[in-house]
Amino acid sequence: MIELDSLSYSYGGDALLRGISLQLAPGSFHFLTGPSGSGKTTLMKLCYGALQPTGGTVTVFGQPLEEMNRDDIAWLRRRVGVVHQEAHFLDHMTLVENIALPLMVSGRDLSAEARNLKELMAWVGLGARSRAYPPELSGGERQRAALARALIMSPEVILADEPTGNVDWEMSQRLLALLVELNRMGKTVLIATHDLALIRAAKSRVQARVLRIAGGTLQYAGADL
């Protein structure tokens, strides 16, 4: 599904990542950990084409990233949902409009998607907040909205970058439960986090592989949790 082969990435002449090989198989669940600045966000961006590697190859859904044109990248972005570390929204648009934005950009018929959109917002617990504006949302509501927006195109892979970094423990557990449920539905999930307590809390919920970036290389911190 997503495969990295001897991947490297340099920034400003210095190698941030080197010799990284990883395969995200269909239906798998991974945690990616490591200290701040170790390259977790960079690795995620390399997985969906937001950055190009300086060495090695990235293959996504059987196609090398370096061979993809603009249309191919647009197709890729529909199949890979990304939850960014900082959830940015358009403040002049309602929550439901923000979540539906990827549908609008792709030219989808919003009226035909209305039922799915309503069900998705209810699933993340935001059904009653559809007409709220982003400045009115709590941190937990913003993160759940970011997850809903990443899911609106029904992607096969979910990449979540520190999705619980700005919320309390109770909300982090709720977000984890949603991501675990997505995995049970067959989605491939990769969560970047520095929160080891969150990884330990997942032990009884999901079989996951824990990956750690240290010194620019990728280490397997353990097999199944």
Protein backbone atom coordinates (compact mmCIF):
# COMPACT_ATOMS: atom_id res chain seq x y z
CA MET A 1 0.00 0.00 0.00
CA ILE A 2 2.75 2.45 1.04
CA GLU A 3 6.34 1.25 0.82
CA LEU A 4 9.54 3.14 1.60
CA ASP A 5 12.78 1.64 0.30
CA SER A 6 16.16 2.96 1.55
CA LEU A 7 14.59 6.38 1.96
CA SER A 8 16.62 9.44 2.88
CA TYR A 9 15.78 13.10 3.27
CA SER A 10 18.18 16.01 3.72
CA TYR A 11 17.28 19.48 4.87
CA GLY A 12 19.72 22.35 4.57
CA GLY A 13 22.51 19.96 3.67
CA ASP A 14 22.05 17.81 6.77
CA ALA A 15 20.54 14.32 6.59
CA LEU A 16 17.38 14.26 8.71
CA LEU A 17 16.39 10.72 7.65
CA ARG A 18 18.52 8.01 6.05
CA GLY A 19 18.21 4.38 5.01
CA ILE A 20 14.57 4.05 6.04
CA SER A 21 12.62 1.07 4.76
CA LEU A 22 9.02 0.52 5.81
CA GLN A 23 5.91 -1.15 4.50
CA LEU A 24 2.40 -0.10 5.54
CA ALA A 25 0.32 -3.13 4.59
CA PRO A 26 -3.45 -2.95 4.06
CA GLY A 27 -5.29 -2.97 7.39
CA SER A 28 -2.16 -2.52 9.51
CA PHE A 29 -1.83 -0.19 12.51
CA HIS A 30 1.43 1.58 13.34
CA PHE A 31 2.65 4.05 15.93
CA LEU A 32 5.58 6.27 15.02
CA THR A 33 7.46 7.77 17.96
CA GLY A 34 10.67 9.61 18.65
CA PRO A 35 11.85 12.90 20.18
CA SER A 36 10.78 16.30 18.86
CA GLY A 37 12.67 17.17 15.70
CA SER A 38 13.53 13.56 14.92
CA GLY A 39 11.64 13.60 11.62
CA LYS A 40 8.22 12.10 12.39
CA THR A 41 6.28 14.78 10.51
CA THR A 42 8.78 14.70 7.64
CA LEU A 43 8.40 10.93 7.29
CA MET A 44 4.63 11.30 7.13
CA LYS A 45 4.88 13.99 4.46
CA LEU A 46 7.11 11.70 2.41
CA CYS A 47 4.41 9.01 2.61
CA TYR A 48 1.81 11.11 0.80
CA GLY A 49 3.92 13.17 -1.55
CA ALA A 50 4.03 16.49 0.30
CA LEU A 51 7.83 16.11 0.25
CA GLN A 52 10.09 14.35 -2.23
CA PRO A 53 12.90 12.14 -0.86
CA THR A 54 16.51 13.01 -1.60
CA GLY A 55 17.33 9.31 -1.88
CA GLY A 56 15.50 6.00 -2.10
CA THR A 57 11.97 5.41 -3.35
CA VAL A 58 8.40 5.80 -2.15
CA THR A 59 5.81 3.52 -3.72
CA VAL A 60 2.15 4.24 -3.05
CA PHE A 61 -0.59 1.87 -4.21
CA GLY A 62 1.92 0.20 -6.51
CA GLN A 63 3.14 3.39 -8.22
CA PRO A 64 6.51 5.08 -7.54
CA LEU A 65 5.97 8.59 -6.24
CA GLU A 66 8.68 10.00 -8.51
CA GLU A 67 6.70 8.89 -11.56
CA MET A 68 3.47 10.59 -10.49
CA ASN A 69 2.25 13.71 -12.25
CA ARG A 70 -0.06 16.35 -10.77
CA ASP A 71 -3.20 14.34 -11.50
CA ASP A 72 -1.67 11.24 -9.92
CA ILE A 73 -0.83 13.21 -6.77
CA ALA A 74 -4.40 14.54 -6.60
CA TRP A 75 -5.66 10.95 -6.90
CA LEU A 76 -3.26 9.92 -4.14
CA ARG A 77 -4.49 12.64 -1.78
CA ARG A 78 -8.02 11.25 -2.09
CA ARG A 79 -6.86 7.81 -0.98
CA VAL A 80 -4.70 8.99 1.92
CA GLY A 81 -6.38 11.01 4.66
CA VAL A 82 -4.09 13.22 6.74
CA VAL A 83 -4.77 14.62 10.22
CA HIS A 84 -2.26 17.41 10.71
CA GLN A 85 -0.68 18.29 14.04
CA GLU A 86 -2.24 21.76 13.94
CA ALA A 87 -5.83 21.67 12.69
CA HIS A 88 -6.36 24.72 10.46
CA PHE A 89 -9.84 25.74 9.37
CA LEU A 90 -11.42 28.66 7.51
CA ASP A 91 -12.94 30.79 10.25
CA HIS A 92 -15.61 32.35 8.02
CA MET A 93 -17.05 28.94 7.14
CA THR A 94 -19.17 26.73 9.39
CA LEU A 95 -17.81 23.45 10.69
CA VAL A 96 -19.81 21.36 8.24
CA GLU A 97 -18.57 23.55 5.37
CA ASN A 98 -14.96 23.12 6.51
CA ILE A 99 -15.32 19.35 6.70
CA ALA A 100 -16.98 19.25 3.27
CA LEU A 101 -14.24 21.39 1.69
CA PRO A 102 -12.34 18.42 0.13
CA LEU A 103 -15.60 17.37 -1.57
CA MET A 104 -16.06 20.87 -2.99
CA VAL A 105 -12.46 21.05 -4.23
CA SER A 106 -12.80 17.69 -5.98
CA GLY A 107 -16.03 18.75 -7.68
CA ARG A 108 -18.28 16.28 -5.89
CA ASP A 109 -22.04 16.90 -5.64
CA LEU A 110 -22.57 18.07 -2.05
CA SER A 111 -26.28 17.34 -2.11
CA ALA A 112 -25.52 13.72 -2.97
CA GLU A 113 -23.01 13.57 -0.12
CA ALA A 114 -25.27 15.21 2.49
CA ARG A 115 -26.27 11.99 4.21
CA ASN A 116 -22.72 10.66 4.40
CA LEU A 117 -21.52 14.01 5.75
CA LYS A 118 -24.20 14.03 8.43
CA GLU A 119 -23.38 10.45 9.46
CA LEU A 120 -19.66 11.23 9.61
CA MET A 121 -20.18 14.25 11.83
CA ALA A 122 -22.38 12.21 14.15
CA TRP A 123 -19.74 9.46 14.25
CA VAL A 124 -17.07 11.87 15.52
CA GLY A 125 -19.55 13.38 18.00
CA LEU A 126 -20.03 16.71 16.24
CA GLY A 127 -23.56 16.34 14.89
CA ALA A 128 -24.86 19.13 17.11
CA ARG A 129 -21.98 21.47 16.18
CA SER A 130 -22.36 21.50 12.40
CA ARG A 131 -23.28 25.21 12.27
CA ALA A 132 -20.60 26.33 14.71
CA TYR A 133 -17.62 28.35 13.48
CA PRO A 134 -14.02 27.21 14.12
CA PRO A 135 -13.24 29.89 16.78
CA GLU A 136 -16.15 28.50 18.83
CA LEU A 137 -14.70 24.99 19.00
CA SER A 138 -12.76 23.43 21.86
CA GLY A 139 -9.42 21.73 21.24
CA GLY A 140 -11.04 18.31 21.27
CA GLU A 141 -13.74 19.38 18.86
CA ARG A 142 -11.13 20.79 16.47
CA GLN A 143 -9.20 17.50 16.48
CA ARG A 144 -12.35 15.46 15.85
CA ALA A 145 -13.27 17.86 13.06
CA ALA A 146 -9.80 17.42 11.57
CA LEU A 147 -10.31 13.65 11.63
CA ALA A 148 -13.71 13.99 9.95
CA ARG A 149 -12.22 16.19 7.22
CA ALA A 150 -9.48 13.61 6.62
CA LEU A 151 -12.14 10.90 6.25
CA ILE A 152 -14.63 12.72 4.04
CA MET A 153 -13.14 11.29 0.82
CA SER A 154 -13.25 7.72 2.23
CA PRO A 155 -9.47 7.18 2.13
CA GLU A 156 -7.83 3.78 2.51
CA VAL A 157 -4.94 5.09 4.65
CA ILE A 158 -5.11 7.47 7.64
CA LEU A 159 -1.94 9.34 8.66
CA ALA A 160 -2.41 11.19 11.97
CA ASP A 161 0.36 13.53 13.14
CA GLU A 162 0.19 14.03 16.93
CA PRO A 163 -3.63 13.90 16.87
CA THR A 164 -3.84 14.01 20.69
CA GLY A 165 -1.11 16.57 21.29
CA ASN A 166 -3.44 19.45 22.20
CA VAL A 167 -6.17 17.64 24.13
CA ASP A 168 -6.61 16.16 27.59
CA TRP A 169 -6.32 12.47 28.42
CA GLU A 170 -10.05 11.75 28.19
CA MET A 171 -10.27 13.27 24.72
CA SER A 172 -7.08 11.52 23.60
CA GLN A 173 -8.72 8.21 24.51
CA ARG A 174 -11.80 9.14 22.52
CA LEU A 175 -9.71 10.00 19.47
CA LEU A 176 -7.73 6.78 19.85
CA ALA A 177 -10.99 4.80 19.97
CA LEU A 178 -12.11 6.40 16.68
CA LEU A 179 -8.80 5.54 14.99
CA VAL A 180 -8.95 1.96 16.29
CA GLU A 181 -12.49 1.64 14.94
CA LEU A 182 -11.31 2.87 11.55
CA ASN A 183 -8.62 0.19 11.57
CA ARG A 184 -11.23 -2.46 12.35
CA MET A 185 -13.11 -1.22 9.28
CA GLY A 186 -10.04 -2.12 7.22
CA LYS A 187 -8.24 1.22 7.09
CA THR A 188 -4.46 1.37 7.38
CA VAL A 189 -3.51 3.70 10.25
CA LEU A 190 -0.22 5.39 11.13
CA ILE A 191 -0.14 7.64 14.20
CA ALA A 192 2.88 9.81 14.98
CA THR A 193 3.05 10.56 18.69
CA HIS A 194 5.55 11.24 21.46
CA ASP A 195 2.95 10.11 24.03
CA LEU A 196 4.09 6.67 25.21
CA ALA A 197 1.13 6.51 27.61
CA LEU A 198 -1.19 6.67 24.62
CA ILE A 199 0.65 3.76 22.99
CA ARG A 200 0.44 1.71 26.18
CA ALA A 201 -3.28 2.50 26.46
CA ALA A 202 -3.79 1.04 22.99
CA LYS A 203 -2.47 -2.35 24.08
CA SER A 204 -5.87 -3.86 24.83
CA ARG A 205 -7.56 -2.29 21.82
CA VAL A 206 -5.45 -3.02 18.76
CA GLN A 207 -2.50 -5.00 17.47
CA ALA A 208 0.05 -2.42 16.40
CA ARG A 209 3.68 -2.12 15.49
CA VAL A 210 5.67 0.57 17.24
CA LEU A 211 8.31 2.36 15.20
CA ARG A 212 10.87 4.80 16.58
CA ILE A 213 12.99 7.37 14.75
CA ALA A 214 16.36 7.90 16.42
CA GLY A 215 19.47 9.41 14.88
CA GLY A 216 17.78 9.65 11.51
CA THR A 217 17.08 5.93 11.26
CA LEU A 218 13.98 3.85 11.87
CA GLN A 219 13.96 1.21 14.59
CA TYR A 220 11.31 -1.33 15.46
CA ALA A 221 10.50 -0.69 19.11
CA GLY A 222 8.42 -3.82 19.35
CA ALA A 223 6.13 -6.07 17.38
CA ASP A 224 2.54 -6.45 18.53
CA LEU A 225 1.62 -4.39 21.54
